[in-house]
N, C-alpha and C. Protein backbone atom coordinates (compact mmCIF):
# COMPACT_ATOMS: atom_id res chain seq x y z
N MET A 1 67.98 58.52 21.73
CA MET A 1 67.80 57.43 22.71
C MET A 1 66.50 56.66 22.38
N ALA A 2 66.59 55.40 22.44
CA ALA A 2 65.41 54.63 22.21
C ALA A 2 64.41 54.82 23.52
N VAL A 3 63.37 55.04 23.06
CA VAL A 3 62.04 54.82 23.94
C VAL A 3 61.27 53.86 24.03
N PRO A 4 60.71 53.33 24.89
CA PRO A 4 59.90 51.88 24.66
C PRO A 4 58.35 52.41 24.28
N LYS A 5 57.80 51.54 23.50
CA LYS A 5 56.74 51.99 22.99
C LYS A 5 55.47 51.77 23.72
N LYS A 6 54.33 52.41 23.69
CA LYS A 6 53.30 52.19 24.58
C LYS A 6 52.65 50.76 24.37
N ARG A 7 52.09 50.29 25.48
CA ARG A 7 51.81 49.04 25.59
C ARG A 7 50.25 48.76 24.82
N THR A 8 50.35 47.55 24.15
CA THR A 8 49.04 47.54 23.36
C THR A 8 47.86 47.05 24.17
N SER A 9 46.84 47.70 23.95
CA SER A 9 45.71 47.12 25.11
C SER A 9 45.07 45.70 24.83
N LYS A 10 44.68 45.11 25.95
CA LYS A 10 44.03 43.76 25.67
C LYS A 10 42.91 43.69 24.62
N SER A 11 42.17 44.50 24.32
CA SER A 11 41.23 44.59 23.54
C SER A 11 41.70 44.66 22.13
N ARG A 12 42.60 45.63 21.97
CA ARG A 12 43.37 45.38 20.60
C ARG A 12 43.96 44.16 20.24
N LYS A 13 44.67 43.44 21.23
CA LYS A 13 45.21 42.08 21.15
C LYS A 13 44.17 41.16 20.72
N LYS A 14 42.86 40.99 21.41
CA LYS A 14 41.99 40.38 21.15
C LYS A 14 41.43 40.45 19.63
N ILE A 15 41.33 41.81 19.41
CA ILE A 15 40.75 42.10 17.99
C ILE A 15 41.84 41.42 16.88
N ARG A 16 42.98 41.79 17.12
CA ARG A 16 44.11 41.20 16.30
C ARG A 16 44.04 39.59 16.01
N ARG A 17 43.94 39.13 17.24
CA ARG A 17 43.83 37.51 17.49
C ARG A 17 42.64 36.87 16.70
N ASN A 18 41.60 37.48 16.90
CA ASN A 18 40.46 37.07 16.28
C ASN A 18 40.33 37.25 14.81
N ILE A 19 41.10 38.14 14.21
CA ILE A 19 41.25 38.49 12.79
C ILE A 19 41.98 37.60 12.28
N TRP A 20 43.20 37.28 12.94
CA TRP A 20 44.26 36.19 12.47
C TRP A 20 43.37 34.75 12.66
N LYS A 21 42.63 34.37 13.54
CA LYS A 21 41.84 33.03 13.77
C LYS A 21 40.86 33.02 12.74
N GLY A 22 40.19 34.10 12.45
CA GLY A 22 39.02 33.92 11.37
C GLY A 22 39.53 33.87 9.92
N LYS A 23 40.71 34.36 9.66
CA LYS A 23 41.52 33.86 8.22
C LYS A 23 41.64 32.43 8.43
N ALA A 24 42.22 31.84 9.48
CA ALA A 24 42.71 30.51 9.41
C ALA A 24 41.34 29.59 9.31
N TYR A 25 40.26 29.90 9.90
CA TYR A 25 38.96 29.46 9.93
C TYR A 25 38.44 29.18 8.46
N ARG A 26 38.45 30.24 7.85
CA ARG A 26 38.01 30.57 6.53
C ARG A 26 38.71 29.65 5.54
N ALA A 27 40.12 29.57 5.70
CA ALA A 27 41.01 28.97 4.67
C ALA A 27 40.79 27.34 5.09
N ALA A 28 40.66 27.03 6.46
CA ALA A 28 40.22 25.72 6.54
C ALA A 28 38.94 24.94 6.01
N VAL A 29 38.00 26.04 6.15
CA VAL A 29 36.65 25.76 5.54
C VAL A 29 36.78 25.45 4.00
N LYS A 30 37.48 26.23 3.35
CA LYS A 30 37.64 26.27 2.03
C LYS A 30 38.44 24.96 1.56
N ALA A 31 39.61 24.72 2.18
CA ALA A 31 40.02 23.50 2.09
C ALA A 31 39.23 22.44 2.13
N PHE A 32 38.53 22.02 3.39
CA PHE A 32 37.80 21.09 3.41
C PHE A 32 36.57 20.94 2.33
N SER A 33 35.96 22.08 1.92
CA SER A 33 34.82 22.14 0.92
C SER A 33 35.54 21.62 -0.33
N LEU A 34 36.82 21.91 -0.86
CA LEU A 34 37.38 21.59 -1.74
C LEU A 34 37.65 20.10 -1.80
N ALA A 35 37.92 19.45 -0.86
CA ALA A 35 38.44 18.15 -0.63
C ALA A 35 37.27 17.15 -0.67
N GLU A 36 36.17 17.94 -0.14
CA GLU A 36 34.67 17.18 -0.09
C GLU A 36 34.18 17.19 -1.59
N SER A 37 34.23 18.23 -2.34
CA SER A 37 33.96 18.11 -3.66
C SER A 37 34.67 17.16 -4.43
N ILE A 38 35.83 17.10 -4.53
CA ILE A 38 36.97 16.37 -5.07
C ILE A 38 36.43 14.88 -4.64
N SER A 39 36.23 14.63 -3.52
CA SER A 39 35.83 13.05 -3.09
C SER A 39 34.50 12.63 -3.61
N THR A 40 33.61 13.54 -3.70
CA THR A 40 32.49 13.20 -4.30
C THR A 40 32.42 13.44 -5.89
N GLY A 41 33.21 13.75 -6.49
CA GLY A 41 33.26 14.04 -7.94
C GLY A 41 32.49 15.20 -8.28
N HIS A 42 32.24 16.07 -7.93
CA HIS A 42 31.43 17.22 -8.07
C HIS A 42 32.20 18.60 -8.28
N SER A 43 33.68 18.33 -8.29
CA SER A 43 34.30 19.48 -8.53
C SER A 43 34.47 19.89 -9.85
N LYS A 44 34.19 21.25 -10.07
CA LYS A 44 34.35 21.86 -11.22
C LYS A 44 35.64 22.66 -11.67
N SER A 45 36.25 22.90 -10.56
CA SER A 45 37.47 23.80 -10.88
C SER A 45 38.78 23.14 -10.57
N PHE A 46 38.59 21.77 -10.10
CA PHE A 46 40.04 21.03 -9.90
C PHE A 46 39.73 19.52 -10.44
N TYR A 47 40.82 19.14 -11.20
CA TYR A 47 40.57 18.08 -11.98
C TYR A 47 41.87 16.97 -11.36
N CYS A 48 41.22 15.74 -11.10
CA CYS A 48 42.44 14.69 -10.64
C CYS A 48 41.87 13.40 -11.44
N THR A 49 43.02 12.78 -11.84
CA THR A 49 42.80 11.36 -12.36
C THR A 49 42.76 10.18 -11.35
N ALA A 50 41.71 9.50 -11.77
CA ALA A 50 41.58 8.34 -10.65
C ALA A 50 42.60 7.20 -11.27
N LYS A 51 43.46 6.49 -10.42
CA LYS A 51 44.16 5.33 -10.90
C LYS A 51 43.27 3.92 -10.80
N ASP A 52 43.42 3.07 -11.77
CA ASP A 52 42.64 1.98 -11.74
C ASP A 52 43.41 0.84 -10.84
N GLU A 53 44.71 0.91 -10.89
CA GLU A 53 45.35 -0.16 -10.20
C GLU A 53 45.97 0.36 -8.92
N PRO A 54 45.93 -0.35 -7.88
CA PRO A 54 46.38 0.19 -6.80
C PRO A 54 48.18 0.47 -6.94
N SER A 55 48.47 1.57 -6.16
CA SER A 55 49.87 1.81 -6.11
C SER A 55 50.59 0.81 -5.47
N GLY A 56 51.84 0.76 -5.78
CA GLY A 56 52.73 -0.56 -5.08
C GLY A 56 53.98 -0.61 -5.95
N SER A 57 54.53 -1.37 -5.63
CA SER A 57 55.85 -1.89 -6.50
C SER A 57 55.62 -2.23 -7.84
N PRO A 58 56.64 -1.57 -8.74
CA PRO A 58 56.23 -1.63 -10.29
C PRO A 58 56.67 -3.39 -10.58
N LYS A 59 55.70 -3.99 -11.59
CA LYS A 59 56.06 -5.47 -11.87
C LYS A 59 57.00 -5.52 -12.76
């Protein structure tokens, strides 16, 4: 017969939530840092080509 599991404590929930939020924060900082280095042209690990003409309908 199925038995209910023990309840997770508030402190354990907070620990897990903070770990999850920390991972999301570090990913956001990394993405922002990459975007900033690309926009300033100082990126060494990511290459993007700049278009000379504006994007629009073909001629």
